[in-house]
């Protein structure tokens, strides 16, 4: 997956300021252009000329980070922001939680962005102080796990890169529904955990065997139990990972409204920043879609 520029969304809130700073850090790291755009769906902006203020912010970031920064000279709806980003841009925004009553069924601005973005989406929740060092990748053990880990490594060049898989406990519920014994449930749980650890060890071993002279992160893995989004959010909090990377597949508006995707829920629940990568941009075909 490759992106040609970064589009950072601002509504002049404190969280969107964090997003602009992180976007500038990444633009310098990847040596690409940063563009700023004003979202007009947020709370009222009490500025005489918000577009001029955005231009001033662009000049400040350009001087501080020594990068090319351009402010788009118009405000835009979220749909227009997503269209501006297209499929070849990294979209960076804060966890915007406002919800329009006219489009209540589509969820918050963040929900809509996760669902509708064709490009990688970075949700910034923390004030950036340094490049991402400790990165957690939520994987589902399918063929797309390896490309997702590779993308996380190229995106952030971390010092620690950990793959994490959460075993959904729905299988336990199925066994209980057919009156399986506690011993059978425990054996199934042990087998699932061992399979997950073996698969993750294979993934990490394959990455470790690939010579990358410019990058040498510490590679690790771990397995958890429970809802994938909730378990990953808890693991991120306990390990203090700077960034969580998760994939997403296209989903219907109905499924989005009732359950949301793992990526959508993780973007809400994680305490740290979350990078969401569309699986169709990873060029991996699979029939076992969970995220």
C-alpha atoms as a PDB file:
ATOM      1  CA  UNK A   1       0.000   0.000   0.000  1.00  0.00           C
ATOM      2  CA  UNK A   2       1.352   3.397  -0.999  1.00  0.00           C
ATOM      3  CA  UNK A   3       0.070   6.894  -0.366  1.00  0.00           C
ATOM      4  CA  UNK A   4       1.219   9.956  -2.295  1.00  0.00           C
ATOM      5  CA  UNK A   5       0.235  12.685   0.164  1.00  0.00           C
ATOM      6  CA  UNK A   6      -1.399  13.280   3.533  1.00  0.00           C
ATOM      7  CA  UNK A   7      -4.735  15.023   4.028  1.00  0.00           C
ATOM      8  CA  UNK A   8      -5.280  16.271   7.593  1.00  0.00           C
ATOM      9  CA  UNK A   9      -8.733  17.332   8.771  1.00  0.00           C
ATOM     10  CA  UNK A  10      -9.186  20.335  11.041  1.00  0.00           C
ATOM     11  CA  UNK A  11     -12.149  21.814  12.882  1.00  0.00           C
ATOM     12  CA  UNK A  12      -9.876  23.905  15.141  1.00  0.00           C
ATOM     13  CA  UNK A  13     -10.598  21.719  18.167  1.00  0.00           C
ATOM     14  CA  UNK A  14      -7.757  20.611  20.445  1.00  0.00           C
ATOM     15  CA  UNK A  15      -7.960  17.035  19.142  1.00  0.00           C
ATOM     16  CA  UNK A  16      -7.758  18.160  15.527  1.00  0.00           C
ATOM     17  CA  UNK A  17      -4.655  20.177  16.420  1.00  0.00           C
ATOM     18  CA  UNK A  18      -3.052  16.928  17.595  1.00  0.00           C
ATOM     19  CA  UNK A  19      -4.009  15.413  14.233  1.00  0.00           C
ATOM     20  CA  UNK A  20      -2.321  18.241  12.310  1.00  0.00           C
ATOM     21  CA  UNK A  21       0.882  17.896  14.308  1.00  0.00           C
ATOM     22  CA  UNK A  22       0.990  14.116  13.817  1.00  0.00           C
ATOM     23  CA  UNK A  23       0.276  14.527  10.104  1.00  0.00           C
ATOM     24  CA  UNK A  24       3.199  16.944   9.820  1.00  0.00           C
ATOM     25  CA  UNK A  25       5.525  14.504  11.611  1.00  0.00           C
ATOM     26  CA  UNK A  26       4.510  11.753   9.194  1.00  0.00           C
ATOM     27  CA  UNK A  27       4.857  14.009   6.156  1.00  0.00           C
ATOM     28  CA  UNK A  28       8.429  14.767   7.196  1.00  0.00           C
ATOM     29  CA  UNK A  29       9.143  11.093   7.894  1.00  0.00           C
ATOM     30  CA  UNK A  30       7.825   9.953   4.500  1.00  0.00           C
ATOM     31  CA  UNK A  31       8.943  13.065   2.592  1.00  0.00           C
ATOM     32  CA  UNK A  32       5.528  13.756   1.084  1.00  0.00           C
ATOM     33  CA  UNK A  33       3.190  16.742   0.834  1.00  0.00           C
ATOM     34  CA  UNK A  34       0.737  17.606   3.602  1.00  0.00           C
ATOM     35  CA  UNK A  35      -2.624  19.151   2.772  1.00  0.00           C
ATOM     36  CA  UNK A  36      -5.006  20.672   5.313  1.00  0.00           C
ATOM     37  CA  UNK A  37      -8.771  20.806   4.916  1.00  0.00           C
ATOM     38  CA  UNK A  38     -11.459  22.428   7.076  1.00  0.00           C
ATOM     39  CA  UNK A  39     -14.398  20.206   8.046  1.00  0.00           C
ATOM     40  CA  UNK A  40     -17.635  22.199   8.149  1.00  0.00           C
ATOM     41  CA  UNK A  41     -19.695  19.557   9.979  1.00  0.00           C
ATOM     42  CA  UNK A  42     -18.213  20.146  13.426  1.00  0.00           C
ATOM     43  CA  UNK A  43     -19.204  22.614  16.139  1.00  0.00           C
ATOM     44  CA  UNK A  44     -19.480  26.267  15.249  1.00  0.00           C
ATOM     45  CA  UNK A  45     -16.124  27.892  14.567  1.00  0.00           C
ATOM     46  CA  UNK A  46     -16.002  31.378  16.055  1.00  0.00           C
ATOM     47  CA  UNK A  47     -13.392  32.781  13.710  1.00  0.00           C
ATOM     48  CA  UNK A  48     -13.838  35.702  11.368  1.00  0.00           C
ATOM     49  CA  UNK A  49     -12.016  33.923   8.552  1.00  0.00           C
ATOM     50  CA  UNK A  50     -11.375  30.227   9.312  1.00  0.00           C
ATOM     51  CA  UNK A  51      -9.895  29.569   5.845  1.00  0.00           C
ATOM     52  CA  UNK A  52      -7.277  32.283   6.416  1.00  0.00           C
ATOM     53  CA  UNK A  53      -6.560  30.786   9.852  1.00  0.00           C
ATOM     54  CA  UNK A  54      -6.046  27.377   8.243  1.00  0.00           C
ATOM     55  CA  UNK A  55      -3.605  28.932   5.784  1.00  0.00           C
ATOM     56  CA  UNK A  56      -1.686  30.460   8.672  1.00  0.00           C
ATOM     57  CA  UNK A  57      -1.562  27.059  10.367  1.00  0.00           C
ATOM     58  CA  UNK A  58      -0.202  25.525   7.158  1.00  0.00           C
ATOM     59  CA  UNK A  59       2.629  28.059   7.065  1.00  0.00           C
ATOM     60  CA  UNK A  60       3.463  27.392  10.723  1.00  0.00           C
ATOM     61  CA  UNK A  61       3.694  23.638  10.145  1.00  0.00           C
ATOM     62  CA  UNK A  62       5.756  24.110   6.976  1.00  0.00           C
ATOM     63  CA  UNK A  63       8.334  26.194   8.873  1.00  0.00           C
ATOM     64  CA  UNK A  64       8.455  23.974  11.947  1.00  0.00           C
ATOM     65  CA  UNK A  65       8.801  20.651  10.134  1.00  0.00           C
ATOM     66  CA  UNK A  66      10.468  21.884   6.933  1.00  0.00           C
ATOM     67  CA  UNK A  67       7.869  20.225   4.712  1.00  0.00           C
ATOM     68  CA  UNK A  68       5.499  21.265   1.939  1.00  0.00           C
ATOM     69  CA  UNK A  69       2.080  22.153   3.392  1.00  0.00           C
ATOM     70  CA  UNK A  70      -0.947  23.445   1.480  1.00  0.00           C
ATOM     71  CA  UNK A  71      -4.270  24.599   2.915  1.00  0.00           C
ATOM     72  CA  UNK A  72      -7.304  23.838   0.745  1.00  0.00           C
ATOM     73  CA  UNK A  73      -9.129  27.138   0.355  1.00  0.00           C
ATOM     74  CA  UNK A  74     -12.628  25.909   1.027  1.00  0.00           C
ATOM     75  CA  UNK A  75     -14.475  24.137   3.829  1.00  0.00           C
ATOM     76  CA  UNK A  76     -15.897  20.730   3.088  1.00  0.00           C
ATOM     77  CA  UNK A  77     -18.458  18.208   4.252  1.00  0.00           C
ATOM     78  CA  UNK A  78     -17.194  14.799   5.340  1.00  0.00           C
ATOM     79  CA  UNK A  79     -18.266  13.291   2.014  1.00  0.00           C
ATOM     80  CA  UNK A  80     -16.218  15.942   0.213  1.00  0.00           C
ATOM     81  CA  UNK A  81     -13.238  15.241   2.497  1.00  0.00           C
ATOM     82  CA  UNK A  82     -13.396  11.526   1.673  1.00  0.00           C
ATOM     83  CA  UNK A  83     -13.635  12.321  -2.032  1.00  0.00           C
ATOM     84  CA  UNK A  84     -10.645  14.662  -1.752  1.00  0.00           C
ATOM     85  CA  UNK A  85      -8.637  11.922  -0.070  1.00  0.00           C
ATOM     86  CA  UNK A  86      -9.488   9.312  -2.703  1.00  0.00           C
ATOM     87  CA  UNK A  87      -7.583   6.031  -2.509  1.00  0.00           C
ATOM     88  CA  UNK A  88      -3.961   7.224  -2.665  1.00  0.00           C
ATOM     89  CA  UNK A  89      -3.841   9.545   0.344  1.00  0.00           C
ATOM     90  CA  UNK A  90      -3.356   9.024   4.047  1.00  0.00           C
ATOM     91  CA  UNK A  91      -6.299  10.662   5.807  1.00  0.00           C
ATOM     92  CA  UNK A  92      -5.546  11.982   9.312  1.00  0.00           C
ATOM     93  CA  UNK A  93      -8.207  13.215  11.730  1.00  0.00           C
ATOM     94  CA  UNK A  94      -9.121  13.350  15.392  1.00  0.00           C
ATOM     95  CA  UNK A  95     -11.829  11.139  16.967  1.00  0.00           C
ATOM     96  CA  UNK A  96     -14.654  13.422  15.866  1.00  0.00           C
ATOM     97  CA  UNK A  97     -17.750  12.282  17.750  1.00  0.00           C
ATOM     98  CA  UNK A  98     -20.432  14.671  16.525  1.00  0.00           C
ATOM     99  CA  UNK A  99     -23.555  13.125  15.027  1.00  0.00           C
ATOM    100  CA  UNK A 100     -25.977  14.690  12.569  1.00  0.00           C
ATOM    101  CA  UNK A 101     -29.663  14.100  13.280  1.00  0.00           C
ATOM    102  CA  UNK A 102     -30.314  14.113   9.552  1.00  0.00           C
ATOM    103  CA  UNK A 103     -27.934  11.175   9.154  1.00  0.00           C
ATOM    104  CA  UNK A 104     -28.282   9.594  12.586  1.00  0.00           C
ATOM    105  CA  UNK A 105     -28.301   6.082  11.104  1.00  0.00           C
ATOM    106  CA  UNK A 106     -24.788   6.647   9.707  1.00  0.00           C
ATOM    107  CA  UNK A 107     -23.285   7.170  13.179  1.00  0.00           C
ATOM    108  CA  UNK A 108     -20.764   9.764  14.286  1.00  0.00           C
ATOM    109  CA  UNK A 109     -18.391  11.598  11.982  1.00  0.00           C
ATOM    110  CA  UNK A 110     -15.699   9.101  13.000  1.00  0.00           C
ATOM    111  CA  UNK A 111     -17.986   6.130  12.225  1.00  0.00           C
ATOM    112  CA  UNK A 112     -18.713   7.544   8.775  1.00  0.00           C
ATOM    113  CA  UNK A 113     -15.039   8.202   8.079  1.00  0.00           C
ATOM    114  CA  UNK A 114     -14.014   4.666   9.058  1.00  0.00           C
ATOM    115  CA  UNK A 115     -16.799   3.190   6.958  1.00  0.00           C
ATOM    116  CA  UNK A 116     -16.414   5.450   3.928  1.00  0.00           C
ATOM    117  CA  UNK A 117     -12.676   6.030   3.581  1.00  0.00           C
ATOM    118  CA  UNK A 118     -11.058   4.318   0.598  1.00  0.00           C
ATOM    119  CA  UNK A 119      -7.560   5.151   1.828  1.00  0.00           C
ATOM    120  CA  UNK A 120      -5.707   4.458   5.091  1.00  0.00           C
ATOM    121  CA  UNK A 121      -7.221   6.465   7.949  1.00  0.00           C
ATOM    122  CA  UNK A 122      -5.209   7.538  10.990  1.00  0.00           C
ATOM    123  CA  UNK A 123      -7.284   8.511  14.034  1.00  0.00           C
ATOM    124  CA  UNK A 124      -5.141  10.665  16.335  1.00  0.00           C
ATOM    125  CA  UNK A 125      -6.028  10.766  20.030  1.00  0.00           C
ATOM    126  CA  UNK A 126      -2.755  11.744  21.700  1.00  0.00           C
ATOM    127  CA  UNK A 127      -0.565  14.817  21.400  1.00  0.00           C
ATOM    128  CA  UNK A 128       2.430  13.706  19.306  1.00  0.00           C
ATOM    129  CA  UNK A 129       5.826  14.011  20.947  1.00  0.00           C
ATOM    130  CA  UNK A 130       7.881  11.599  18.813  1.00  0.00           C
ATOM    131  CA  UNK A 131       7.531   9.147  15.918  1.00  0.00           C
ATOM    132  CA  UNK A 132       5.603   5.965  16.664  1.00  0.00           C
ATOM    133  CA  UNK A 133       7.936   3.569  18.468  1.00  0.00           C
ATOM    134  CA  UNK A 134       5.756   0.755  19.846  1.00  0.00           C
ATOM    135  CA  UNK A 135       3.196  -0.487  17.306  1.00  0.00           C
ATOM    136  CA  UNK A 136       0.497  -3.114  17.895  1.00  0.00           C
ATOM    137  CA  UNK A 137      -1.047  -4.858  14.856  1.00  0.00           C
ATOM    138  CA  UNK A 138      -4.451  -6.532  15.282  1.00  0.00           C
ATOM    139  CA  UNK A 139      -4.470  -9.634  13.057  1.00  0.00           C
ATOM    140  CA  UNK A 140      -7.030 -12.338  12.330  1.00  0.00           C
ATOM    141  CA  UNK A 141      -4.599 -15.096  11.181  1.00  0.00           C
ATOM    142  CA  UNK A 142      -5.915 -14.979   7.598  1.00  0.00           C
ATOM    143  CA  UNK A 143      -3.599 -14.512   4.558  1.00  0.00           C
ATOM    144  CA  UNK A 144      -3.995 -10.743   4.909  1.00  0.00           C
ATOM    145  CA  UNK A 145      -2.210 -10.697   8.292  1.00  0.00           C
ATOM    146  CA  UNK A 146       1.293 -10.687   6.794  1.00  0.00           C
ATOM    147  CA  UNK A 147       0.638  -7.739   4.416  1.00  0.00           C
ATOM    148  CA  UNK A 148      -0.966  -5.815   7.282  1.00  0.00           C
ATOM    149  CA  UNK A 149       2.099  -6.319   9.490  1.00  0.00           C
ATOM    150  CA  UNK A 150       4.371  -5.335   6.587  1.00  0.00           C
ATOM    151  CA  UNK A 151       2.349  -2.164   6.064  1.00  0.00           C
ATOM    152  CA  UNK A 152       2.544  -1.273   9.767  1.00  0.00           C
ATOM    153  CA  UNK A 153       6.330  -1.683   9.646  1.00  0.00           C
ATOM    154  CA  UNK A 154       6.735   0.505   6.546  1.00  0.00           C
ATOM    155  CA  UNK A 155       4.317   3.119   7.848  1.00  0.00           C
ATOM    156  CA  UNK A 156       6.002   3.811  11.172  1.00  0.00           C
ATOM    157  CA  UNK A 157       9.412   2.058  11.179  1.00  0.00           C
ATOM    158  CA  UNK A 158       8.864   1.229  14.884  1.00  0.00           C
ATOM    159  CA  UNK A 159      11.374  -0.025  17.410  1.00  0.00           C
ATOM    160  CA  UNK A 160       8.852  -2.604  18.703  1.00  0.00           C
ATOM    161  CA  UNK A 161       6.305  -4.292  16.435  1.00  0.00           C
ATOM    162  CA  UNK A 162       3.829  -6.715  18.005  1.00  0.00           C
ATOM    163  CA  UNK A 163       1.150  -8.841  16.324  1.00  0.00           C
ATOM    164  CA  UNK A 164      -1.910  -9.439  18.496  1.00  0.00           C
ATOM    165  CA  UNK A 165      -4.774 -11.870  17.920  1.00  0.00           C
ATOM    166  CA  UNK A 166      -7.905 -12.046  20.057  1.00  0.00           C
ATOM    167  CA  UNK A 167      -9.732 -15.384  20.131  1.00  0.00           C
ATOM    168  CA  UNK A 168     -13.438 -14.673  20.017  1.00  0.00           C
ATOM    169  CA  UNK A 169     -15.240 -16.557  22.812  1.00  0.00           C
ATOM    170  CA  UNK A 170     -18.307 -17.156  20.644  1.00  0.00           C
ATOM    171  CA  UNK A 171     -17.051 -20.727  20.124  1.00  0.00           C
ATOM    172  CA  UNK A 172     -17.392 -21.345  23.859  1.00  0.00           C
ATOM    173  CA  UNK A 173     -21.022 -20.208  23.689  1.00  0.00           C
ATOM    174  CA  UNK A 174     -21.720 -22.607  20.828  1.00  0.00           C
ATOM    175  CA  UNK A 175     -20.268 -25.517  22.785  1.00  0.00           C
ATOM    176  CA  UNK A 176     -22.310 -24.609  25.880  1.00  0.00           C
ATOM    177  CA  UNK A 177     -25.464 -24.480  23.750  1.00  0.00           C
ATOM    178  CA  UNK A 178     -25.011 -28.172  22.892  1.00  0.00           C
ATOM    179  CA  UNK A 179     -24.240 -29.055  26.541  1.00  0.00           C
ATOM    180  CA  UNK A 180     -20.541 -29.739  25.992  1.00  0.00           C
ATOM    181  CA  UNK A 181     -18.621 -30.616  29.140  1.00  0.00           C
ATOM    182  CA  UNK A 182     -16.380 -28.060  30.840  1.00  0.00           C
ATOM    183  CA  UNK A 183     -13.436 -30.283  29.941  1.00  0.00           C
ATOM    184  CA  UNK A 184     -14.368 -30.173  26.242  1.00  0.00           C
ATOM    185  CA  UNK A 185     -14.746 -26.399  26.345  1.00  0.00           C
ATOM    186  CA  UNK A 186     -11.381 -26.036  28.086  1.00  0.00           C
ATOM    187  CA  UNK A 187      -9.708 -28.370  25.567  1.00  0.00           C
ATOM    188  CA  UNK A 188     -11.182 -26.405  22.657  1.00  0.00           C
ATOM    189  CA  UNK A 189     -10.002 -23.139  24.199  1.00  0.00           C
ATOM    190  CA  UNK A 190      -6.493 -24.527  24.716  1.00  0.00           C
ATOM    191  CA  UNK A 191      -6.380 -25.829  21.130  1.00  0.00           C
ATOM    192  CA  UNK A 192      -7.516 -22.478  19.701  1.00  0.00           C
ATOM    193  CA  UNK A 193      -4.926 -20.607  21.721  1.00  0.00           C
ATOM    194  CA  UNK A 194      -2.136 -22.986  20.712  1.00  0.00           C
ATOM    195  CA  UNK A 195      -3.127 -22.729  17.044  1.00  0.00           C
ATOM    196  CA  UNK A 196      -3.106 -18.930  17.266  1.00  0.00           C
ATOM    197  CA  UNK A 197       0.322 -18.883  18.911  1.00  0.00           C
ATOM    198  CA  UNK A 198       1.745 -21.265  16.302  1.00  0.00           C
ATOM    199  CA  UNK A 199       0.372 -19.166  13.455  1.00  0.00           C
ATOM    200  CA  UNK A 200       1.672 -15.923  14.958  1.00  0.00           C
ATOM    201  CA  UNK A 201       5.086 -17.507  15.517  1.00  0.00           C
ATOM    202  CA  UNK A 202       5.147 -18.431  11.810  1.00  0.00           C
ATOM    203  CA  UNK A 203       4.251 -14.869  10.824  1.00  0.00           C
ATOM    204  CA  UNK A 204       6.887 -13.309  13.054  1.00  0.00           C
ATOM    205  CA  UNK A 205       9.458 -15.908  11.973  1.00  0.00           C
ATOM    206  CA  UNK A 206       8.847 -15.075   8.322  1.00  0.00           C
ATOM    207  CA  UNK A 207       9.273 -11.369   9.021  1.00  0.00           C
ATOM    208  CA  UNK A 208      12.409 -11.986  11.073  1.00  0.00           C
ATOM    209  CA  UNK A 209      13.934 -13.949   8.206  1.00  0.00           C
ATOM    210  CA  UNK A 210      13.423 -11.090   5.748  1.00  0.00           C
ATOM    211  CA  UNK A 211      16.547  -8.902   5.543  1.00  0.00           C
ATOM    212  CA  UNK A 212      15.641  -5.256   6.088  1.00  0.00           C
ATOM    213  CA  UNK A 213      18.879  -3.327   6.665  1.00  0.00           C
ATOM    214  CA  UNK A 214      17.110   0.004   7.162  1.00  0.00           C
ATOM    215  CA  UNK A 215      14.618  -1.342   9.746  1.00  0.00           C
ATOM    216  CA  UNK A 216      15.245  -3.579  12.693  1.00  0.00           C
ATOM    217  CA  UNK A 217      12.252  -3.572  15.030  1.00  0.00           C
ATOM    218  CA  UNK A 218      11.870  -5.959  17.928  1.00  0.00           C
ATOM    219  CA  UNK A 219       9.238  -8.450  16.711  1.00  0.00           C
ATOM    220  CA  UNK A 220       6.788 -10.003  19.163  1.00  0.00           C
ATOM    221  CA  UNK A 221       3.302 -11.502  19.362  1.00  0.00           C
ATOM    222  CA  UNK A 222       0.583 -12.194  21.892  1.00  0.00           C
ATOM    223  CA  UNK A 223      -2.829 -13.847  22.091  1.00  0.00           C
ATOM    224  CA  UNK A 224      -5.891 -12.673  23.986  1.00  0.00           C
ATOM    225  CA  UNK A 225      -9.492 -13.782  24.500  1.00  0.00           C
ATOM    226  CA  UNK A 226     -12.780 -12.014  23.918  1.00  0.00           C
ATOM    227  CA  UNK A 227     -14.194  -9.479  21.508  1.00  0.00           C
ATOM    228  CA  UNK A 228     -11.378  -8.573  19.085  1.00  0.00           C
ATOM    229  CA  UNK A 229     -11.895  -4.810  19.320  1.00  0.00           C
ATOM    230  CA  UNK A 230     -12.268  -4.697  23.102  1.00  0.00           C
ATOM    231  CA  UNK A 231      -9.386  -7.120  23.729  1.00  0.00           C
ATOM    232  CA  UNK A 232      -7.075  -5.186  21.410  1.00  0.00           C
ATOM    233  CA  UNK A 233      -7.999  -1.890  23.079  1.00  0.00           C
ATOM    234  CA  UNK A 234      -7.229  -3.372  26.506  1.00  0.00           C
ATOM    235  CA  UNK A 235      -3.922  -4.804  25.263  1.00  0.00           C
ATOM    236  CA  UNK A 236      -2.949  -1.441  23.792  1.00  0.00           C
ATOM    237  CA  UNK A 237      -3.681   0.216  27.119  1.00  0.00           C
ATOM    238  CA  UNK A 238      -1.738  -2.351  29.157  1.00  0.00           C
ATOM    239  CA  UNK A 239       1.316  -2.302  26.871  1.00  0.00           C
ATOM    240  CA  UNK A 240       1.192   1.463  26.228  1.00  0.00           C
ATOM    241  CA  UNK A 241       1.579   0.936  22.481  1.00  0.00           C
ATOM    242  CA  UNK A 242       1.793   4.253  20.609  1.00  0.00           C
ATOM    243  CA  UNK A 243      -0.232   3.034  17.635  1.00  0.00           C
ATOM    244  CA  UNK A 244      -2.697   0.245  16.849  1.00  0.00           C
ATOM    245  CA  UNK A 245      -2.950  -0.908  13.224  1.00  0.00           C
ATOM    246  CA  UNK A 246      -6.083  -2.734  12.092  1.00  0.00           C
ATOM    247  CA  UNK A 247      -7.520  -3.701   8.737  1.00  0.00           C
ATOM    248  CA  UNK A 248     -11.045  -3.222   7.482  1.00  0.00           C
ATOM    249  CA  UNK A 249     -13.204  -4.699   4.765  1.00  0.00           C
ATOM    250  CA  UNK A 250     -16.222  -3.076   3.083  1.00  0.00           C
ATOM    251  CA  UNK A 251     -19.440  -3.512   5.062  1.00  0.00           C
ATOM    252  CA  UNK A 252     -23.075  -2.731   4.430  1.00  0.00           C
ATOM    253  CA  UNK A 253     -24.699   0.333   6.043  1.00  0.00           C
ATOM    254  CA  UNK A 254     -27.059  -2.024   7.912  1.00  0.00           C
ATOM    255  CA  UNK A 255     -24.218  -4.003   9.470  1.00  0.00           C
ATOM    256  CA  UNK A 256     -22.397  -0.763  10.247  1.00  0.00           C
ATOM    257  CA  UNK A 257     -25.421   0.623  12.127  1.00  0.00           C
ATOM    258  CA  UNK A 258     -26.199  -2.465  14.226  1.00  0.00           C
ATOM    259  CA  UNK A 259     -22.776  -3.888  15.080  1.00  0.00           C
ATOM    260  CA  UNK A 260     -20.015  -1.831  13.472  1.00  0.00           C
ATOM    261  CA  UNK A 261     -16.758  -3.382  12.355  1.00  0.00           C
ATOM    262  CA  UNK A 262     -13.802  -4.295  14.544  1.00  0.00           C
ATOM    263  CA  UNK A 263     -11.956  -1.325  13.033  1.00  0.00           C
ATOM    264  CA  UNK A 264     -14.847   1.024  13.781  1.00  0.00           C
ATOM    265  CA  UNK A 265     -15.154  -0.058  17.412  1.00  0.00           C
ATOM    266  CA  UNK A 266     -11.411  -0.057  17.952  1.00  0.00           C
ATOM    267  CA  UNK A 267     -11.199   3.502  16.620  1.00  0.00           C
ATOM    268  CA  UNK A 268     -13.632   4.480  19.395  1.00  0.00           C
ATOM    269  CA  UNK A 269     -12.314   2.380  22.264  1.00  0.00           C
ATOM    270  CA  UNK A 270      -8.518   2.497  21.934  1.00  0.00           C
ATOM    271  CA  UNK A 271      -6.785   5.027  24.154  1.00  0.00           C
ATOM    272  CA  UNK A 272      -3.974   5.557  21.646  1.00  0.00           C
ATOM    273  CA  UNK A 273      -3.859   6.374  17.948  1.00  0.00           C
ATOM    274  CA  UNK A 274      -5.433   3.929  15.485  1.00  0.00           C
ATOM    275  CA  UNK A 275      -4.428   3.347  11.858  1.00  0.00           C
ATOM    276  CA  UNK A 276      -7.097   1.665   9.721  1.00  0.00           C
ATOM    277  CA  UNK A 277      -5.951   0.064   6.463  1.00  0.00           C
ATOM    278  CA  UNK A 278      -8.515  -1.062   3.844  1.00  0.00           C
ATOM    279  CA  UNK A 279      -7.839  -4.711   3.057  1.00  0.00           C
ATOM    280  CA  UNK A 280      -8.582  -4.212  -0.635  1.00  0.00           C
ATOM    281  CA  UNK A 281      -5.598  -1.840  -0.737  1.00  0.00           C
ATOM    282  CA  UNK A 282      -3.336  -4.589   0.594  1.00  0.00           C
ATOM    283  CA  UNK A 283      -3.919  -6.645  -2.590  1.00  0.00           C
ATOM    284  CA  UNK A 284      -4.886  -9.772  -0.659  1.00  0.00           C
ATOM    285  CA  UNK A 285      -7.887 -11.858  -1.689  1.00  0.00           C
ATOM    286  CA  UNK A 286      -9.582 -13.815   1.094  1.00  0.00           C
ATOM    287  CA  UNK A 287     -12.959 -15.352   1.850  1.00  0.00           C
ATOM    288  CA  UNK A 288     -12.714 -15.198   5.651  1.00  0.00           C
ATOM    289  CA  UNK A 289     -13.524 -11.553   6.367  1.00  0.00           C
ATOM    290  CA  UNK A 290     -13.902 -10.511   9.976  1.00  0.00           C
ATOM    291  CA  UNK A 291     -12.670  -6.935  10.267  1.00  0.00           C
END
